[in-house]
Structure formats: structure tokens, C-alpha cells
Amino acid sequence: VLSFGLWLQQRTTGIKVRITIDGE
């Protein structure tokens, strides 16, 4: 059940990307 939940969460399509350089 936990593996399936993690798999579903990871398969959600993203909306945007965040770019960070050295934490900023």
C-alpha cells in the first residue's frame, strides 16, 4: 500500500520547474 501511494504521488504531472543555484 505504501509503495503504491508513493508511486501515485511521483506520477503526478508537474506544473512548473524551480531552478536554484547554491540554494538561492
PDBML (XML) file of the C-alpha atoms, coordinates in Angstrom:
<?xml version="1.0" encoding="UTF-8" ?>
<PDBx:datablock datablockName="MODEL"
   xmlns:PDBx="http://pdbml.pdb.org/schema/pdbx-v50.xsd"
   xmlns:xsi="http://www.w3.org/2001/XMLSchema-instance"
   xsi:schemaLocation="http://pdbml.pdb.org/schema/pdbx-v50.xsd pdbx-v50.xsd">
   <PDBx:atom_siteCategory>
      <PDBx:atom_site id="1">
         <PDBx:B_iso_or_equiv>0.00</PDBx:B_iso_or_equiv>
         <PDBx:Cartn_x>0.000</PDBx:Cartn_x>
         <PDBx:Cartn_y>0.000</PDBx:Cartn_y>
         <PDBx:Cartn_z>0.000</PDBx:Cartn_z>
         <PDBx:auth_asym_id>A</PDBx:auth_asym_id>
         <PDBx:auth_atom_id>CA</PDBx:auth_atom_id>
         <PDBx:auth_comp_id>VAL</PDBx:auth_comp_id>
         <PDBx:auth_seq_id>1</PDBx:auth_seq_id>
         <PDBx:group_PDB>ATOM</PDBx:group_PDB>
         <PDBx:label_alt_id xsi:nil="true" />
         <PDBx:label_asym_id>A</PDBx:label_asym_id>
         <PDBx:label_atom_id>CA</PDBx:label_atom_id>
         <PDBx:label_comp_id>VAL</PDBx:label_comp_id>
         <PDBx:label_entity_id>1</PDBx:label_entity_id>
         <PDBx:label_seq_id>1</PDBx:label_seq_id>
         <PDBx:occupancy>1.00</PDBx:occupancy>
         <PDBx:pdbx_PDB_model_num>1</PDBx:pdbx_PDB_model_num>
         <PDBx:type_symbol>C</PDBx:type_symbol>
      </PDBx:atom_site>
      <PDBx:atom_site id="2">
         <PDBx:B_iso_or_equiv>0.00</PDBx:B_iso_or_equiv>
         <PDBx:Cartn_x>2.814</PDBx:Cartn_x>
         <PDBx:Cartn_y>2.457</PDBx:Cartn_y>
         <PDBx:Cartn_z>0.852</PDBx:Cartn_z>
         <PDBx:auth_asym_id>A</PDBx:auth_asym_id>
         <PDBx:auth_atom_id>CA</PDBx:auth_atom_id>
         <PDBx:auth_comp_id>LEU</PDBx:auth_comp_id>
         <PDBx:auth_seq_id>2</PDBx:auth_seq_id>
         <PDBx:group_PDB>ATOM</PDBx:group_PDB>
         <PDBx:label_alt_id xsi:nil="true" />
         <PDBx:label_asym_id>A</PDBx:label_asym_id>
         <PDBx:label_atom_id>CA</PDBx:label_atom_id>
         <PDBx:label_comp_id>LEU</PDBx:label_comp_id>
         <PDBx:label_entity_id>1</PDBx:label_entity_id>
         <PDBx:label_seq_id>2</PDBx:label_seq_id>
         <PDBx:occupancy>1.00</PDBx:occupancy>
         <PDBx:pdbx_PDB_model_num>1</PDBx:pdbx_PDB_model_num>
         <PDBx:type_symbol>C</PDBx:type_symbol>
      </PDBx:atom_site>
      <PDBx:atom_site id="3">
         <PDBx:B_iso_or_equiv>0.00</PDBx:B_iso_or_equiv>
         <PDBx:Cartn_x>4.688</PDBx:Cartn_x>
         <PDBx:Cartn_y>1.641</PDBx:Cartn_y>
         <PDBx:Cartn_z>-2.360</PDBx:Cartn_z>
         <PDBx:auth_asym_id>A</PDBx:auth_asym_id>
         <PDBx:auth_atom_id>CA</PDBx:auth_atom_id>
         <PDBx:auth_comp_id>SER</PDBx:auth_comp_id>
         <PDBx:auth_seq_id>3</PDBx:auth_seq_id>
         <PDBx:group_PDB>ATOM</PDBx:group_PDB>
         <PDBx:label_alt_id xsi:nil="true" />
         <PDBx:label_asym_id>A</PDBx:label_asym_id>
         <PDBx:label_atom_id>CA</PDBx:label_atom_id>
         <PDBx:label_comp_id>SER</PDBx:label_comp_id>
         <PDBx:label_entity_id>1</PDBx:label_entity_id>
         <PDBx:label_seq_id>3</PDBx:label_seq_id>
         <PDBx:occupancy>1.00</PDBx:occupancy>
         <PDBx:pdbx_PDB_model_num>1</PDBx:pdbx_PDB_model_num>
         <PDBx:type_symbol>C</PDBx:type_symbol>
      </PDBx:atom_site>
      <PDBx:atom_site id="4">
         <PDBx:B_iso_or_equiv>0.00</PDBx:B_iso_or_equiv>
         <PDBx:Cartn_x>1.561</PDBx:Cartn_x>
         <PDBx:Cartn_y>2.188</PDBx:Cartn_y>
         <PDBx:Cartn_z>-4.421</PDBx:Cartn_z>
         <PDBx:auth_asym_id>A</PDBx:auth_asym_id>
         <PDBx:auth_atom_id>CA</PDBx:auth_atom_id>
         <PDBx:auth_comp_id>PHE</PDBx:auth_comp_id>
         <PDBx:auth_seq_id>4</PDBx:auth_seq_id>
         <PDBx:group_PDB>ATOM</PDBx:group_PDB>
         <PDBx:label_alt_id xsi:nil="true" />
         <PDBx:label_asym_id>A</PDBx:label_asym_id>
         <PDBx:label_atom_id>CA</PDBx:label_atom_id>
         <PDBx:label_comp_id>PHE</PDBx:label_comp_id>
         <PDBx:label_entity_id>1</PDBx:label_entity_id>
         <PDBx:label_seq_id>4</PDBx:label_seq_id>
         <PDBx:occupancy>1.00</PDBx:occupancy>
         <PDBx:pdbx_PDB_model_num>1</PDBx:pdbx_PDB_model_num>
         <PDBx:type_symbol>C</PDBx:type_symbol>
      </PDBx:atom_site>
      <PDBx:atom_site id="5">
         <PDBx:B_iso_or_equiv>0.00</PDBx:B_iso_or_equiv>
         <PDBx:Cartn_x>0.917</PDBx:Cartn_x>
         <PDBx:Cartn_y>5.531</PDBx:Cartn_y>
         <PDBx:Cartn_z>-2.690</PDBx:Cartn_z>
         <PDBx:auth_asym_id>A</PDBx:auth_asym_id>
         <PDBx:auth_atom_id>CA</PDBx:auth_atom_id>
         <PDBx:auth_comp_id>GLY</PDBx:auth_comp_id>
         <PDBx:auth_seq_id>5</PDBx:auth_seq_id>
         <PDBx:group_PDB>ATOM</PDBx:group_PDB>
         <PDBx:label_alt_id xsi:nil="true" />
         <PDBx:label_asym_id>A</PDBx:label_asym_id>
         <PDBx:label_atom_id>CA</PDBx:label_atom_id>
         <PDBx:label_comp_id>GLY</PDBx:label_comp_id>
         <PDBx:label_entity_id>1</PDBx:label_entity_id>
         <PDBx:label_seq_id>5</PDBx:label_seq_id>
         <PDBx:occupancy>1.00</PDBx:occupancy>
         <PDBx:pdbx_PDB_model_num>1</PDBx:pdbx_PDB_model_num>
         <PDBx:type_symbol>C</PDBx:type_symbol>
      </PDBx:atom_site>
      <PDBx:atom_site id="6">
         <PDBx:B_iso_or_equiv>0.00</PDBx:B_iso_or_equiv>
         <PDBx:Cartn_x>4.456</PDBx:Cartn_x>
         <PDBx:Cartn_y>6.719</PDBx:Cartn_y>
         <PDBx:Cartn_z>-3.355</PDBx:Cartn_z>
         <PDBx:auth_asym_id>A</PDBx:auth_asym_id>
         <PDBx:auth_atom_id>CA</PDBx:auth_atom_id>
         <PDBx:auth_comp_id>LEU</PDBx:auth_comp_id>
         <PDBx:auth_seq_id>6</PDBx:auth_seq_id>
         <PDBx:group_PDB>ATOM</PDBx:group_PDB>
         <PDBx:label_alt_id xsi:nil="true" />
         <PDBx:label_asym_id>A</PDBx:label_asym_id>
         <PDBx:label_atom_id>CA</PDBx:label_atom_id>
         <PDBx:label_comp_id>LEU</PDBx:label_comp_id>
         <PDBx:label_entity_id>1</PDBx:label_entity_id>
         <PDBx:label_seq_id>6</PDBx:label_seq_id>
         <PDBx:occupancy>1.00</PDBx:occupancy>
         <PDBx:pdbx_PDB_model_num>1</PDBx:pdbx_PDB_model_num>
         <PDBx:type_symbol>C</PDBx:type_symbol>
      </PDBx:atom_site>
      <PDBx:atom_site id="7">
         <PDBx:B_iso_or_equiv>0.00</PDBx:B_iso_or_equiv>
         <PDBx:Cartn_x>4.213</PDBx:Cartn_x>
         <PDBx:Cartn_y>5.587</PDBx:Cartn_y>
         <PDBx:Cartn_z>-6.964</PDBx:Cartn_z>
         <PDBx:auth_asym_id>A</PDBx:auth_asym_id>
         <PDBx:auth_atom_id>CA</PDBx:auth_atom_id>
         <PDBx:auth_comp_id>TRP</PDBx:auth_comp_id>
         <PDBx:auth_seq_id>7</PDBx:auth_seq_id>
         <PDBx:group_PDB>ATOM</PDBx:group_PDB>
         <PDBx:label_alt_id xsi:nil="true" />
         <PDBx:label_asym_id>A</PDBx:label_asym_id>
         <PDBx:label_atom_id>CA</PDBx:label_atom_id>
         <PDBx:label_comp_id>TRP</PDBx:label_comp_id>
         <PDBx:label_entity_id>1</PDBx:label_entity_id>
         <PDBx:label_seq_id>7</PDBx:label_seq_id>
         <PDBx:occupancy>1.00</PDBx:occupancy>
         <PDBx:pdbx_PDB_model_num>1</PDBx:pdbx_PDB_model_num>
         <PDBx:type_symbol>C</PDBx:type_symbol>
      </PDBx:atom_site>
      <PDBx:atom_site id="8">
         <PDBx:B_iso_or_equiv>0.00</PDBx:B_iso_or_equiv>
         <PDBx:Cartn_x>0.967</PDBx:Cartn_x>
         <PDBx:Cartn_y>7.534</PDBx:Cartn_y>
         <PDBx:Cartn_z>-7.453</PDBx:Cartn_z>
         <PDBx:auth_asym_id>A</PDBx:auth_asym_id>
         <PDBx:auth_atom_id>CA</PDBx:auth_atom_id>
         <PDBx:auth_comp_id>LEU</PDBx:auth_comp_id>
         <PDBx:auth_seq_id>8</PDBx:auth_seq_id>
         <PDBx:group_PDB>ATOM</PDBx:group_PDB>
         <PDBx:label_alt_id xsi:nil="true" />
         <PDBx:label_asym_id>A</PDBx:label_asym_id>
         <PDBx:label_atom_id>CA</PDBx:label_atom_id>
         <PDBx:label_comp_id>LEU</PDBx:label_comp_id>
         <PDBx:label_entity_id>1</PDBx:label_entity_id>
         <PDBx:label_seq_id>8</PDBx:label_seq_id>
         <PDBx:occupancy>1.00</PDBx:occupancy>
         <PDBx:pdbx_PDB_model_num>1</PDBx:pdbx_PDB_model_num>
         <PDBx:type_symbol>C</PDBx:type_symbol>
      </PDBx:atom_site>
      <PDBx:atom_site id="9">
         <PDBx:B_iso_or_equiv>0.00</PDBx:B_iso_or_equiv>
         <PDBx:Cartn_x>2.454</PDBx:Cartn_x>
         <PDBx:Cartn_y>10.657</PDBx:Cartn_y>
         <PDBx:Cartn_z>-5.886</PDBx:Cartn_z>
         <PDBx:auth_asym_id>A</PDBx:auth_asym_id>
         <PDBx:auth_atom_id>CA</PDBx:auth_atom_id>
         <PDBx:auth_comp_id>GLN</PDBx:auth_comp_id>
         <PDBx:auth_seq_id>9</PDBx:auth_seq_id>
         <PDBx:group_PDB>ATOM</PDBx:group_PDB>
         <PDBx:label_alt_id xsi:nil="true" />
         <PDBx:label_asym_id>A</PDBx:label_asym_id>
         <PDBx:label_atom_id>CA</PDBx:label_atom_id>
         <PDBx:label_comp_id>GLN</PDBx:label_comp_id>
         <PDBx:label_entity_id>1</PDBx:label_entity_id>
         <PDBx:label_seq_id>9</PDBx:label_seq_id>
         <PDBx:occupancy>1.00</PDBx:occupancy>
         <PDBx:pdbx_PDB_model_num>1</PDBx:pdbx_PDB_model_num>
         <PDBx:type_symbol>C</PDBx:type_symbol>
      </PDBx:atom_site>
      <PDBx:atom_site id="10">
         <PDBx:B_iso_or_equiv>0.00</PDBx:B_iso_or_equiv>
         <PDBx:Cartn_x>5.516</PDBx:Cartn_x>
         <PDBx:Cartn_y>10.514</PDBx:Cartn_y>
         <PDBx:Cartn_z>-8.107</PDBx:Cartn_z>
         <PDBx:auth_asym_id>A</PDBx:auth_asym_id>
         <PDBx:auth_atom_id>CA</PDBx:auth_atom_id>
         <PDBx:auth_comp_id>GLN</PDBx:auth_comp_id>
         <PDBx:auth_seq_id>10</PDBx:auth_seq_id>
         <PDBx:group_PDB>ATOM</PDBx:group_PDB>
         <PDBx:label_alt_id xsi:nil="true" />
         <PDBx:label_asym_id>A</PDBx:label_asym_id>
         <PDBx:label_atom_id>CA</PDBx:label_atom_id>
         <PDBx:label_comp_id>GLN</PDBx:label_comp_id>
         <PDBx:label_entity_id>1</PDBx:label_entity_id>
         <PDBx:label_seq_id>10</PDBx:label_seq_id>
         <PDBx:occupancy>1.00</PDBx:occupancy>
         <PDBx:pdbx_PDB_model_num>1</PDBx:pdbx_PDB_model_num>
         <PDBx:type_symbol>C</PDBx:type_symbol>
      </PDBx:atom_site>
      <PDBx:atom_site id="11">
         <PDBx:B_iso_or_equiv>0.00</PDBx:B_iso_or_equiv>
         <PDBx:Cartn_x>3.438</PDBx:Cartn_x>
         <PDBx:Cartn_y>10.057</PDBx:Cartn_y>
         <PDBx:Cartn_z>-11.255</PDBx:Cartn_z>
         <PDBx:auth_asym_id>A</PDBx:auth_asym_id>
         <PDBx:auth_atom_id>CA</PDBx:auth_atom_id>
         <PDBx:auth_comp_id>ARG</PDBx:auth_comp_id>
         <PDBx:auth_seq_id>11</PDBx:auth_seq_id>
         <PDBx:group_PDB>ATOM</PDBx:group_PDB>
         <PDBx:label_alt_id xsi:nil="true" />
         <PDBx:label_asym_id>A</PDBx:label_asym_id>
         <PDBx:label_atom_id>CA</PDBx:label_atom_id>
         <PDBx:label_comp_id>ARG</PDBx:label_comp_id>
         <PDBx:label_entity_id>1</PDBx:label_entity_id>
         <PDBx:label_seq_id>11</PDBx:label_seq_id>
         <PDBx:occupancy>1.00</PDBx:occupancy>
         <PDBx:pdbx_PDB_model_num>1</PDBx:pdbx_PDB_model_num>
         <PDBx:type_symbol>C</PDBx:type_symbol>
      </PDBx:atom_site>
      <PDBx:atom_site id="12">
         <PDBx:B_iso_or_equiv>0.00</PDBx:B_iso_or_equiv>
         <PDBx:Cartn_x>1.600</PDBx:Cartn_x>
         <PDBx:Cartn_y>13.361</PDBx:Cartn_y>
         <PDBx:Cartn_z>-10.840</PDBx:Cartn_z>
         <PDBx:auth_asym_id>A</PDBx:auth_asym_id>
         <PDBx:auth_atom_id>CA</PDBx:auth_atom_id>
         <PDBx:auth_comp_id>THR</PDBx:auth_comp_id>
         <PDBx:auth_seq_id>12</PDBx:auth_seq_id>
         <PDBx:group_PDB>ATOM</PDBx:group_PDB>
         <PDBx:label_alt_id xsi:nil="true" />
         <PDBx:label_asym_id>A</PDBx:label_asym_id>
         <PDBx:label_atom_id>CA</PDBx:label_atom_id>
         <PDBx:label_comp_id>THR</PDBx:label_comp_id>
         <PDBx:label_entity_id>1</PDBx:label_entity_id>
         <PDBx:label_seq_id>12</PDBx:label_seq_id>
         <PDBx:occupancy>1.00</PDBx:occupancy>
         <PDBx:pdbx_PDB_model_num>1</PDBx:pdbx_PDB_model_num>
         <PDBx:type_symbol>C</PDBx:type_symbol>
      </PDBx:atom_site>
      <PDBx:atom_site id="13">
         <PDBx:B_iso_or_equiv>0.00</PDBx:B_iso_or_equiv>
         <PDBx:Cartn_x>2.448</PDBx:Cartn_x>
         <PDBx:Cartn_y>15.720</PDBx:Cartn_y>
         <PDBx:Cartn_z>-13.687</PDBx:Cartn_z>
         <PDBx:auth_asym_id>A</PDBx:auth_asym_id>
         <PDBx:auth_atom_id>CA</PDBx:auth_atom_id>
         <PDBx:auth_comp_id>THR</PDBx:auth_comp_id>
         <PDBx:auth_seq_id>13</PDBx:auth_seq_id>
         <PDBx:group_PDB>ATOM</PDBx:group_PDB>
         <PDBx:label_alt_id xsi:nil="true" />
         <PDBx:label_asym_id>A</PDBx:label_asym_id>
         <PDBx:label_atom_id>CA</PDBx:label_atom_id>
         <PDBx:label_comp_id>THR</PDBx:label_comp_id>
         <PDBx:label_entity_id>1</PDBx:label_entity_id>
         <PDBx:label_seq_id>13</PDBx:label_seq_id>
         <PDBx:occupancy>1.00</PDBx:occupancy>
         <PDBx:pdbx_PDB_model_num>1</PDBx:pdbx_PDB_model_num>
         <PDBx:type_symbol>C</PDBx:type_symbol>
      </PDBx:atom_site>
      <PDBx:atom_site id="14">
         <PDBx:B_iso_or_equiv>0.00</PDBx:B_iso_or_equiv>
         <PDBx:Cartn_x>4.160</PDBx:Cartn_x>
         <PDBx:Cartn_y>18.905</PDBx:Cartn_y>
         <PDBx:Cartn_z>-12.578</PDBx:Cartn_z>
         <PDBx:auth_asym_id>A</PDBx:auth_asym_id>
         <PDBx:auth_atom_id>CA</PDBx:auth_atom_id>
         <PDBx:auth_comp_id>GLY</PDBx:auth_comp_id>
         <PDBx:auth_seq_id>14</PDBx:auth_seq_id>
         <PDBx:group_PDB>ATOM</PDBx:group_PDB>
         <PDBx:label_alt_id xsi:nil="true" />
         <PDBx:label_asym_id>A</PDBx:label_asym_id>
         <PDBx:label_atom_id>CA</PDBx:label_atom_id>
         <PDBx:label_comp_id>GLY</PDBx:label_comp_id>
         <PDBx:label_entity_id>1</PDBx:label_entity_id>
         <PDBx:label_seq_id>14</PDBx:label_seq_id>
         <PDBx:occupancy>1.00</PDBx:occupancy>
         <PDBx:pdbx_PDB_model_num>1</PDBx:pdbx_PDB_model_num>
         <PDBx:type_symbol>C</PDBx:type_symbol>
      </PDBx:atom_site>
      <PDBx:atom_site id="15">
         <PDBx:B_iso_or_equiv>0.00</PDBx:B_iso_or_equiv>
         <PDBx:Cartn_x>3.075</PDBx:Cartn_x>
         <PDBx:Cartn_y>22.459</PDBx:Cartn_y>
         <PDBx:Cartn_z>-13.280</PDBx:Cartn_z>
         <PDBx:auth_asym_id>A</PDBx:auth_asym_id>
         <PDBx:auth_atom_id>CA</PDBx:auth_atom_id>
         <PDBx:auth_comp_id>ILE</PDBx:auth_comp_id>
         <PDBx:auth_seq_id>15</PDBx:auth_seq_id>
         <PDBx:group_PDB>ATOM</PDBx:group_PDB>
         <PDBx:label_alt_id xsi:nil="true" />
         <PDBx:label_asym_id>A</PDBx:label_asym_id>
         <PDBx:label_atom_id>CA</PDBx:label_atom_id>
         <PDBx:label_comp_id>ILE</PDBx:label_comp_id>
         <PDBx:label_entity_id>1</PDBx:label_entity_id>
         <PDBx:label_seq_id>15</PDBx:label_seq_id>
         <PDBx:occupancy>1.00</PDBx:occupancy>
         <PDBx:pdbx_PDB_model_num>1</PDBx:pdbx_PDB_model_num>
         <PDBx:type_symbol>C</PDBx:type_symbol>
      </PDBx:atom_site>
      <PDBx:atom_site id="16">
         <PDBx:B_iso_or_equiv>0.00</PDBx:B_iso_or_equiv>
         <PDBx:Cartn_x>6.380</PDBx:Cartn_x>
         <PDBx:Cartn_y>24.312</PDBx:Cartn_y>
         <PDBx:Cartn_z>-13.252</PDBx:Cartn_z>
         <PDBx:auth_asym_id>A</PDBx:auth_asym_id>
         <PDBx:auth_atom_id>CA</PDBx:auth_atom_id>
         <PDBx:auth_comp_id>LYS</PDBx:auth_comp_id>
         <PDBx:auth_seq_id>16</PDBx:auth_seq_id>
         <PDBx:group_PDB>ATOM</PDBx:group_PDB>
         <PDBx:label_alt_id xsi:nil="true" />
         <PDBx:label_asym_id>A</PDBx:label_asym_id>
         <PDBx:label_atom_id>CA</PDBx:label_atom_id>
         <PDBx:label_comp_id>LYS</PDBx:label_comp_id>
         <PDBx:label_entity_id>1</PDBx:label_entity_id>
         <PDBx:label_seq_id>16</PDBx:label_seq_id>
         <PDBx:occupancy>1.00</PDBx:occupancy>
         <PDBx:pdbx_PDB_model_num>1</PDBx:pdbx_PDB_model_num>
         <PDBx:type_symbol>C</PDBx:type_symbol>
      </PDBx:atom_site>
      <PDBx:atom_site id="17">
         <PDBx:B_iso_or_equiv>0.00</PDBx:B_iso_or_equiv>
         <PDBx:Cartn_x>10.102</PDBx:Cartn_x>
         <PDBx:Cartn_y>23.948</PDBx:Cartn_y>
         <PDBx:Cartn_z>-12.604</PDBx:Cartn_z>
         <PDBx:auth_asym_id>A</PDBx:auth_asym_id>
         <PDBx:auth_atom_id>CA</PDBx:auth_atom_id>
         <PDBx:auth_comp_id>VAL</PDBx:auth_comp_id>
         <PDBx:auth_seq_id>17</PDBx:auth_seq_id>
         <PDBx:group_PDB>ATOM</PDBx:group_PDB>
         <PDBx:label_alt_id xsi:nil="true" />
         <PDBx:label_asym_id>A</PDBx:label_asym_id>
         <PDBx:label_atom_id>CA</PDBx:label_atom_id>
         <PDBx:label_comp_id>VAL</PDBx:label_comp_id>
         <PDBx:label_entity_id>1</PDBx:label_entity_id>
         <PDBx:label_seq_id>17</PDBx:label_seq_id>
         <PDBx:occupancy>1.00</PDBx:occupancy>
         <PDBx:pdbx_PDB_model_num>1</PDBx:pdbx_PDB_model_num>
         <PDBx:type_symbol>C</PDBx:type_symbol>
      </PDBx:atom_site>
      <PDBx:atom_site id="18">
         <PDBx:B_iso_or_equiv>0.00</PDBx:B_iso_or_equiv>
         <PDBx:Cartn_x>12.080</PDBx:Cartn_x>
         <PDBx:Cartn_y>25.783</PDBx:Cartn_y>
         <PDBx:Cartn_z>-9.944</PDBx:Cartn_z>
         <PDBx:auth_asym_id>A</PDBx:auth_asym_id>
         <PDBx:auth_atom_id>CA</PDBx:auth_atom_id>
         <PDBx:auth_comp_id>ARG</PDBx:auth_comp_id>
         <PDBx:auth_seq_id>18</PDBx:auth_seq_id>
         <PDBx:group_PDB>ATOM</PDBx:group_PDB>
         <PDBx:label_alt_id xsi:nil="true" />
         <PDBx:label_asym_id>A</PDBx:label_asym_id>
         <PDBx:label_atom_id>CA</PDBx:label_atom_id>
         <PDBx:label_comp_id>ARG</PDBx:label_comp_id>
         <PDBx:label_entity_id>1</PDBx:label_entity_id>
         <PDBx:label_seq_id>18</PDBx:label_seq_id>
         <PDBx:occupancy>1.00</PDBx:occupancy>
         <PDBx:pdbx_PDB_model_num>1</PDBx:pdbx_PDB_model_num>
         <PDBx:type_symbol>C</PDBx:type_symbol>
      </PDBx:atom_site>
      <PDBx:atom_site id="19">
         <PDBx:B_iso_or_equiv>0.00</PDBx:B_iso_or_equiv>
         <PDBx:Cartn_x>15.741</PDBx:Cartn_x>
         <PDBx:Cartn_y>26.489</PDBx:Cartn_y>
         <PDBx:Cartn_z>-10.624</PDBx:Cartn_z>
         <PDBx:auth_asym_id>A</PDBx:auth_asym_id>
         <PDBx:auth_atom_id>CA</PDBx:auth_atom_id>
         <PDBx:auth_comp_id>ILE</PDBx:auth_comp_id>
         <PDBx:auth_seq_id>19</PDBx:auth_seq_id>
         <PDBx:group_PDB>ATOM</PDBx:group_PDB>
         <PDBx:label_alt_id xsi:nil="true" />
         <PDBx:label_asym_id>A</PDBx:label_asym_id>
         <PDBx:label_atom_id>CA</PDBx:label_atom_id>
         <PDBx:label_comp_id>ILE</PDBx:label_comp_id>
         <PDBx:label_entity_id>1</PDBx:label_entity_id>
         <PDBx:label_seq_id>19</PDBx:label_seq_id>
         <PDBx:occupancy>1.00</PDBx:occupancy>
         <PDBx:pdbx_PDB_model_num>1</PDBx:pdbx_PDB_model_num>
         <PDBx:type_symbol>C</PDBx:type_symbol>
      </PDBx:atom_site>
      <PDBx:atom_site id="20">
         <PDBx:B_iso_or_equiv>0.00</PDBx:B_iso_or_equiv>
         <PDBx:Cartn_x>18.034</PDBx:Cartn_x>
         <PDBx:Cartn_y>27.057</PDBx:Cartn_y>
         <PDBx:Cartn_z>-7.648</PDBx:Cartn_z>
         <PDBx:auth_asym_id>A</PDBx:auth_asym_id>
         <PDBx:auth_atom_id>CA</PDBx:auth_atom_id>
         <PDBx:auth_comp_id>THR</PDBx:auth_comp_id>
         <PDBx:auth_seq_id>20</PDBx:auth_seq_id>
         <PDBx:group_PDB>ATOM</PDBx:group_PDB>
         <PDBx:label_alt_id xsi:nil="true" />
         <PDBx:label_asym_id>A</PDBx:label_asym_id>
         <PDBx:label_atom_id>CA</PDBx:label_atom_id>
         <PDBx:label_comp_id>THR</PDBx:label_comp_id>
         <PDBx:label_entity_id>1</PDBx:label_entity_id>
         <PDBx:label_seq_id>20</PDBx:label_seq_id>
         <PDBx:occupancy>1.00</PDBx:occupancy>
         <PDBx:pdbx_PDB_model_num>1</PDBx:pdbx_PDB_model_num>
         <PDBx:type_symbol>C</PDBx:type_symbol>
      </PDBx:atom_site>
      <PDBx:atom_site id="21">
         <PDBx:B_iso_or_equiv>0.00</PDBx:B_iso_or_equiv>
         <PDBx:Cartn_x>21.723</PDBx:Cartn_x>
         <PDBx:Cartn_y>27.888</PDBx:Cartn_y>
         <PDBx:Cartn_z>-7.635</PDBx:Cartn_z>
         <PDBx:auth_asym_id>A</PDBx:auth_asym_id>
         <PDBx:auth_atom_id>CA</PDBx:auth_atom_id>
         <PDBx:auth_comp_id>ILE</PDBx:auth_comp_id>
         <PDBx:auth_seq_id>21</PDBx:auth_seq_id>
         <PDBx:group_PDB>ATOM</PDBx:group_PDB>
         <PDBx:label_alt_id xsi:nil="true" />
         <PDBx:label_asym_id>A</PDBx:label_asym_id>
         <PDBx:label_atom_id>CA</PDBx:label_atom_id>
         <PDBx:label_comp_id>ILE</PDBx:label_comp_id>
         <PDBx:label_entity_id>1</PDBx:label_entity_id>
         <PDBx:label_seq_id>21</PDBx:label_seq_id>
         <PDBx:occupancy>1.00</PDBx:occupancy>
         <PDBx:pdbx_PDB_model_num>1</PDBx:pdbx_PDB_model_num>
         <PDBx:type_symbol>C</PDBx:type_symbol>
      </PDBx:atom_site>
      <PDBx:atom_site id="22">
         <PDBx:B_iso_or_equiv>0.00</PDBx:B_iso_or_equiv>
         <PDBx:Cartn_x>23.589</PDBx:Cartn_x>
         <PDBx:Cartn_y>27.264</PDBx:Cartn_y>
         <PDBx:Cartn_z>-4.395</PDBx:Cartn_z>
         <PDBx:auth_asym_id>A</PDBx:auth_asym_id>
         <PDBx:auth_atom_id>CA</PDBx:auth_atom_id>
         <PDBx:auth_comp_id>ASP</PDBx:auth_comp_id>
         <PDBx:auth_seq_id>22</PDBx:auth_seq_id>
         <PDBx:group_PDB>ATOM</PDBx:group_PDB>
         <PDBx:label_alt_id xsi:nil="true" />
         <PDBx:label_asym_id>A</PDBx:label_asym_id>
         <PDBx:label_atom_id>CA</PDBx:label_atom_id>
         <PDBx:label_comp_id>ASP</PDBx:label_comp_id>
         <PDBx:label_entity_id>1</PDBx:label_entity_id>
         <PDBx:label_seq_id>22</PDBx:label_seq_id>
         <PDBx:occupancy>1.00</PDBx:occupancy>
         <PDBx:pdbx_PDB_model_num>1</PDBx:pdbx_PDB_model_num>
         <PDBx:type_symbol>C</PDBx:type_symbol>
      </PDBx:atom_site>
      <PDBx:atom_site id="23">
         <PDBx:B_iso_or_equiv>0.00</PDBx:B_iso_or_equiv>
         <PDBx:Cartn_x>20.260</PDBx:Cartn_x>
         <PDBx:Cartn_y>27.231</PDBx:Cartn_y>
         <PDBx:Cartn_z>-2.516</PDBx:Cartn_z>
         <PDBx:auth_asym_id>A</PDBx:auth_asym_id>
         <PDBx:auth_atom_id>CA</PDBx:auth_atom_id>
         <PDBx:auth_comp_id>GLY</PDBx:auth_comp_id>
         <PDBx:auth_seq_id>23</PDBx:auth_seq_id>
         <PDBx:group_PDB>ATOM</PDBx:group_PDB>
         <PDBx:label_alt_id xsi:nil="true" />
         <PDBx:label_asym_id>A</PDBx:label_asym_id>
         <PDBx:label_atom_id>CA</PDBx:label_atom_id>
         <PDBx:label_comp_id>GLY</PDBx:label_comp_id>
         <PDBx:label_entity_id>1</PDBx:label_entity_id>
         <PDBx:label_seq_id>23</PDBx:label_seq_id>
         <PDBx:occupancy>1.00</PDBx:occupancy>
         <PDBx:pdbx_PDB_model_num>1</PDBx:pdbx_PDB_model_num>
         <PDBx:type_symbol>C</PDBx:type_symbol>
      </PDBx:atom_site>
      <PDBx:atom_site id="24">
         <PDBx:B_iso_or_equiv>0.00</PDBx:B_iso_or_equiv>
         <PDBx:Cartn_x>19.081</PDBx:Cartn_x>
         <PDBx:Cartn_y>30.575</PDBx:Cartn_y>
         <PDBx:Cartn_z>-3.929</PDBx:Cartn_z>
         <PDBx:auth_asym_id>A</PDBx:auth_asym_id>
         <PDBx:auth_atom_id>CA</PDBx:auth_atom_id>
         <PDBx:auth_comp_id>GLU</PDBx:auth_comp_id>
         <PDBx:auth_seq_id>24</PDBx:auth_seq_id>
         <PDBx:group_PDB>ATOM</PDBx:group_PDB>
         <PDBx:label_alt_id xsi:nil="true" />
         <PDBx:label_asym_id>A</PDBx:label_asym_id>
         <PDBx:label_atom_id>CA</PDBx:label_atom_id>
         <PDBx:label_comp_id>GLU</PDBx:label_comp_id>
         <PDBx:label_entity_id>1</PDBx:label_entity_id>
         <PDBx:label_seq_id>24</PDBx:label_seq_id>
         <PDBx:occupancy>1.00</PDBx:occupancy>
         <PDBx:pdbx_PDB_model_num>1</PDBx:pdbx_PDB_model_num>
         <PDBx:type_symbol>C</PDBx:type_symbol>
      </PDBx:atom_site>
   </PDBx:atom_siteCategory>
</PDBx:datablock>
